[in-house]
Amino acid sequence: MKNKISISIIFVILGILIILAPTVIFPVCPADMKMRCQYTKQAEIGIGILIAVLGAASFFFTEKVRAGISIAVAGIGALTIAIPTTLIGVCGSDMMACNNATRPLLVVLGVLTILVSVVNSVYLLKIKEV
């Protein structure tokens, strides 16, 4: 029961942090400037919402389903990293906050999401084997 509650809360918090990273914590360029960082922001908001929803949903399921959700969240965490680094990118200038602050924060949050998800899925799959 502790795992169910703690992992659900961690996923929701990670999802919220991914939403807040390009919008509040390290905001990207203004919306009137149609730059790559704006599209990255929109994509990361969607990813953050998805992680938060999956985290909230995982509270209501069995261990095997939660392990599957954790595996899915690990893949979504990889997308969290790929969007600002390779898929869409951010502004080309090193002086822009989106390049030197938002992108590294999103990479760190993506790595944390992957680590938590992988550890949780291994733990949940090992429970059923014992």
C-alpha atoms as a PDB file:
ATOM      1  CA  MET A   1       0.000   0.000   0.000  1.00  0.00           C
ATOM      2  CA  LYS A   2       2.882   2.367   0.770  1.00  0.00           C
ATOM      3  CA  ASN A   3       4.330   1.804  -2.705  1.00  0.00           C
ATOM      4  CA  LYS A   4       0.994   2.505  -4.328  1.00  0.00           C
ATOM      5  CA  ILE A   5       0.564   5.839  -2.564  1.00  0.00           C
ATOM      6  CA  SER A   6       4.163   7.014  -2.773  1.00  0.00           C
ATOM      7  CA  ILE A   7       4.681   6.188  -6.455  1.00  0.00           C
ATOM      8  CA  SER A   8       1.347   7.744  -7.390  1.00  0.00           C
ATOM      9  CA  ILE A   9       2.315  10.942  -5.591  1.00  0.00           C
ATOM     10  CA  ILE A  10       5.824  10.944  -7.110  1.00  0.00           C
ATOM     11  CA  PHE A  11       4.429  10.544 -10.641  1.00  0.00           C
ATOM     12  CA  VAL A  12       1.919  13.348 -10.099  1.00  0.00           C
ATOM     13  CA  ILE A  13       4.655  15.622  -8.721  1.00  0.00           C
ATOM     14  CA  LEU A  14       7.000  14.809 -11.624  1.00  0.00           C
ATOM     15  CA  GLY A  15       4.190  15.506 -14.089  1.00  0.00           C
ATOM     16  CA  ILE A  16       3.460  18.853 -12.459  1.00  0.00           C
ATOM     17  CA  LEU A  17       7.162  19.768 -12.447  1.00  0.00           C
ATOM     18  CA  ILE A  18       7.409  18.931 -16.156  1.00  0.00           C
ATOM     19  CA  ILE A  19       4.435  21.223 -16.796  1.00  0.00           C
ATOM     20  CA  LEU A  20       5.918  24.014 -14.680  1.00  0.00           C
ATOM     21  CA  ALA A  21       9.479  23.785 -16.037  1.00  0.00           C
ATOM     22  CA  PRO A  22       8.890  25.602 -19.357  1.00  0.00           C
ATOM     23  CA  THR A  23       5.978  27.717 -18.127  1.00  0.00           C
ATOM     24  CA  VAL A  24       6.812  28.992 -14.635  1.00  0.00           C
ATOM     25  CA  ILE A  25      10.188  27.775 -13.321  1.00  0.00           C
ATOM     26  CA  PHE A  26      12.256  28.681 -16.400  1.00  0.00           C
ATOM     27  CA  PRO A  27       9.764  30.198 -18.875  1.00  0.00           C
ATOM     28  CA  VAL A  28      10.574  29.963 -22.553  1.00  0.00           C
ATOM     29  CA  CYS A  29      10.204  32.758 -25.111  1.00  0.00           C
ATOM     30  CA  PRO A  30       6.871  34.647 -25.243  1.00  0.00           C
ATOM     31  CA  ALA A  31       4.015  33.141 -27.219  1.00  0.00           C
ATOM     32  CA  ASP A  32       4.082  35.878 -29.877  1.00  0.00           C
ATOM     33  CA  MET A  33       7.552  34.674 -30.908  1.00  0.00           C
ATOM     34  CA  LYS A  34       6.978  31.452 -32.845  1.00  0.00           C
ATOM     35  CA  MET A  35      10.181  29.655 -31.973  1.00  0.00           C
ATOM     36  CA  ARG A  36      11.004  26.004 -31.350  1.00  0.00           C
ATOM     37  CA  CYS A  37      10.928  26.518 -27.594  1.00  0.00           C
ATOM     38  CA  GLN A  38       7.202  27.370 -27.818  1.00  0.00           C
ATOM     39  CA  TYR A  39       6.455  24.034 -29.460  1.00  0.00           C
ATOM     40  CA  THR A  40       8.653  22.274 -26.926  1.00  0.00           C
ATOM     41  CA  LYS A  41       6.692  23.977 -24.148  1.00  0.00           C
ATOM     42  CA  GLN A  42       3.371  22.819 -25.606  1.00  0.00           C
ATOM     43  CA  ALA A  43       4.623  19.249 -25.994  1.00  0.00           C
ATOM     44  CA  GLU A  44       6.051  19.146 -22.469  1.00  0.00           C
ATOM     45  CA  ILE A  45       2.778  20.423 -21.024  1.00  0.00           C
ATOM     46  CA  GLY A  46       1.017  17.503 -22.697  1.00  0.00           C
ATOM     47  CA  ILE A  47       3.635  15.060 -21.446  1.00  0.00           C
ATOM     48  CA  GLY A  48       3.404  16.423 -17.916  1.00  0.00           C
ATOM     49  CA  ILE A  49      -0.368  16.084 -17.941  1.00  0.00           C
ATOM     50  CA  LEU A  50      -0.063  12.502 -19.188  1.00  0.00           C
ATOM     51  CA  ILE A  51       2.430  11.547 -16.463  1.00  0.00           C
ATOM     52  CA  ALA A  52       0.285  13.169 -13.759  1.00  0.00           C
ATOM     53  CA  VAL A  53      -2.864  11.413 -14.994  1.00  0.00           C
ATOM     54  CA  LEU A  54      -1.104   8.043 -15.161  1.00  0.00           C
ATOM     55  CA  GLY A  55       0.253   8.642 -11.672  1.00  0.00           C
ATOM     56  CA  ALA A  56      -3.205   9.387 -10.335  1.00  0.00           C
ATOM     57  CA  ALA A  57      -4.670   6.394 -12.177  1.00  0.00           C
ATOM     58  CA  SER A  58      -2.020   4.020 -10.859  1.00  0.00           C
ATOM     59  CA  PHE A  59      -3.453   4.479  -7.377  1.00  0.00           C
ATOM     60  CA  PHE A  60      -6.518   2.458  -8.376  1.00  0.00           C
ATOM     61  CA  PHE A  61      -4.940  -0.605  -9.998  1.00  0.00           C
ATOM     62  CA  THR A  62      -3.246  -3.882  -9.078  1.00  0.00           C
ATOM     63  CA  GLU A  63       0.505  -4.454  -9.016  1.00  0.00           C
ATOM     64  CA  LYS A  64       0.727  -5.844 -12.553  1.00  0.00           C
ATOM     65  CA  VAL A  65      -1.209  -2.953 -14.037  1.00  0.00           C
ATOM     66  CA  ARG A  66       0.875  -0.475 -12.042  1.00  0.00           C
ATOM     67  CA  ALA A  67       4.023  -2.159 -13.377  1.00  0.00           C
ATOM     68  CA  GLY A  68       2.708  -1.614 -16.901  1.00  0.00           C
ATOM     69  CA  ILE A  69       1.912   2.003 -16.110  1.00  0.00           C
ATOM     70  CA  SER A  70       5.442   2.442 -14.756  1.00  0.00           C
ATOM     71  CA  ILE A  71       6.924   1.014 -17.948  1.00  0.00           C
ATOM     72  CA  ALA A  72       4.781   3.404 -19.983  1.00  0.00           C
ATOM     73  CA  VAL A  73       5.839   6.343 -17.809  1.00  0.00           C
ATOM     74  CA  ALA A  74       9.491   5.377 -18.383  1.00  0.00           C
ATOM     75  CA  GLY A  75       8.896   5.684 -22.129  1.00  0.00           C
ATOM     76  CA  ILE A  76       7.184   9.006 -21.622  1.00  0.00           C
ATOM     77  CA  GLY A  77      10.179  10.098 -19.542  1.00  0.00           C
ATOM     78  CA  ALA A  78      12.385   9.321 -22.533  1.00  0.00           C
ATOM     79  CA  LEU A  79      10.159  11.593 -24.621  1.00  0.00           C
ATOM     80  CA  THR A  80      10.558  14.289 -21.970  1.00  0.00           C
ATOM     81  CA  ILE A  81      14.282  14.195 -22.712  1.00  0.00           C
ATOM     82  CA  ALA A  82      14.013  13.766 -26.485  1.00  0.00           C
ATOM     83  CA  ILE A  83      11.682  16.688 -27.177  1.00  0.00           C
ATOM     84  CA  PRO A  84      13.953  19.549 -26.044  1.00  0.00           C
ATOM     85  CA  THR A  85      17.166  17.833 -27.127  1.00  0.00           C
ATOM     86  CA  THR A  86      16.461  16.241 -30.530  1.00  0.00           C
ATOM     87  CA  LEU A  87      12.811  16.045 -31.605  1.00  0.00           C
ATOM     88  CA  ILE A  88      11.807  19.717 -31.432  1.00  0.00           C
ATOM     89  CA  GLY A  89      14.623  21.519 -29.647  1.00  0.00           C
ATOM     90  CA  VAL A  90      14.885  24.967 -28.136  1.00  0.00           C
ATOM     91  CA  CYS A  91      16.291  28.309 -29.276  1.00  0.00           C
ATOM     92  CA  GLY A  92      19.688  28.161 -30.921  1.00  0.00           C
ATOM     93  CA  SER A  93      21.201  30.978 -28.880  1.00  0.00           C
ATOM     94  CA  ASP A  94      23.177  29.969 -25.807  1.00  0.00           C
ATOM     95  CA  MET A  95      22.089  33.215 -24.155  1.00  0.00           C
ATOM     96  CA  MET A  96      18.405  32.233 -24.059  1.00  0.00           C
ATOM     97  CA  ALA A  97      16.953  30.806 -20.839  1.00  0.00           C
ATOM     98  CA  CYS A  98      15.293  27.999 -22.735  1.00  0.00           C
ATOM     99  CA  ASN A  99      18.688  26.770 -23.916  1.00  0.00           C
ATOM    100  CA  ASN A 100      20.694  27.049 -20.713  1.00  0.00           C
ATOM    101  CA  ALA A 101      18.007  26.471 -18.055  1.00  0.00           C
ATOM    102  CA  THR A 102      14.782  24.934 -19.358  1.00  0.00           C
ATOM    103  CA  ARG A 103      16.357  22.196 -21.465  1.00  0.00           C
ATOM    104  CA  PRO A 104      18.702  20.934 -18.686  1.00  0.00           C
ATOM    105  CA  LEU A 105      15.840  20.953 -16.181  1.00  0.00           C
ATOM    106  CA  LEU A 106      13.631  18.939 -18.526  1.00  0.00           C
ATOM    107  CA  VAL A 107      16.461  16.449 -19.076  1.00  0.00           C
ATOM    108  CA  VAL A 108      16.918  16.038 -15.309  1.00  0.00           C
ATOM    109  CA  LEU A 109      13.170  15.590 -14.801  1.00  0.00           C
ATOM    110  CA  GLY A 110      13.076  13.050 -17.634  1.00  0.00           C
ATOM    111  CA  VAL A 111      15.946  11.070 -16.121  1.00  0.00           C
ATOM    112  CA  LEU A 112      14.252  11.124 -12.701  1.00  0.00           C
ATOM    113  CA  THR A 113      11.017   9.935 -14.291  1.00  0.00           C
ATOM    114  CA  ILE A 114      12.794   7.065 -16.025  1.00  0.00           C
ATOM    115  CA  LEU A 115      14.689   6.038 -12.880  1.00  0.00           C
ATOM    116  CA  VAL A 116      11.615   6.074 -10.646  1.00  0.00           C
ATOM    117  CA  SER A 117       9.573   4.209 -13.255  1.00  0.00           C
ATOM    118  CA  VAL A 118      12.146   1.493 -13.883  1.00  0.00           C
ATOM    119  CA  VAL A 119      12.809   0.913 -10.183  1.00  0.00           C
ATOM    120  CA  ASN A 120       9.080   0.785  -9.485  1.00  0.00           C
ATOM    121  CA  SER A 121       8.302  -1.613 -12.326  1.00  0.00           C
ATOM    122  CA  VAL A 122      11.133  -3.962 -11.301  1.00  0.00           C
ATOM    123  CA  TYR A 123       9.922  -3.837  -7.700  1.00  0.00           C
ATOM    124  CA  LEU A 124       6.308  -4.542  -8.675  1.00  0.00           C
ATOM    125  CA  LEU A 125       7.255  -7.400 -10.986  1.00  0.00           C
ATOM    126  CA  LYS A 126       9.471  -8.952  -8.283  1.00  0.00           C
ATOM    127  CA  ILE A 127       6.579  -8.879  -5.777  1.00  0.00           C
ATOM    128  CA  LYS A 128       4.549 -11.276  -7.884  1.00  0.00           C
ATOM    129  CA  GLU A 129       7.464 -13.683  -8.355  1.00  0.00           C
ATOM    130  CA  VAL A 130       7.973 -14.216  -4.604  1.00  0.00           C
END
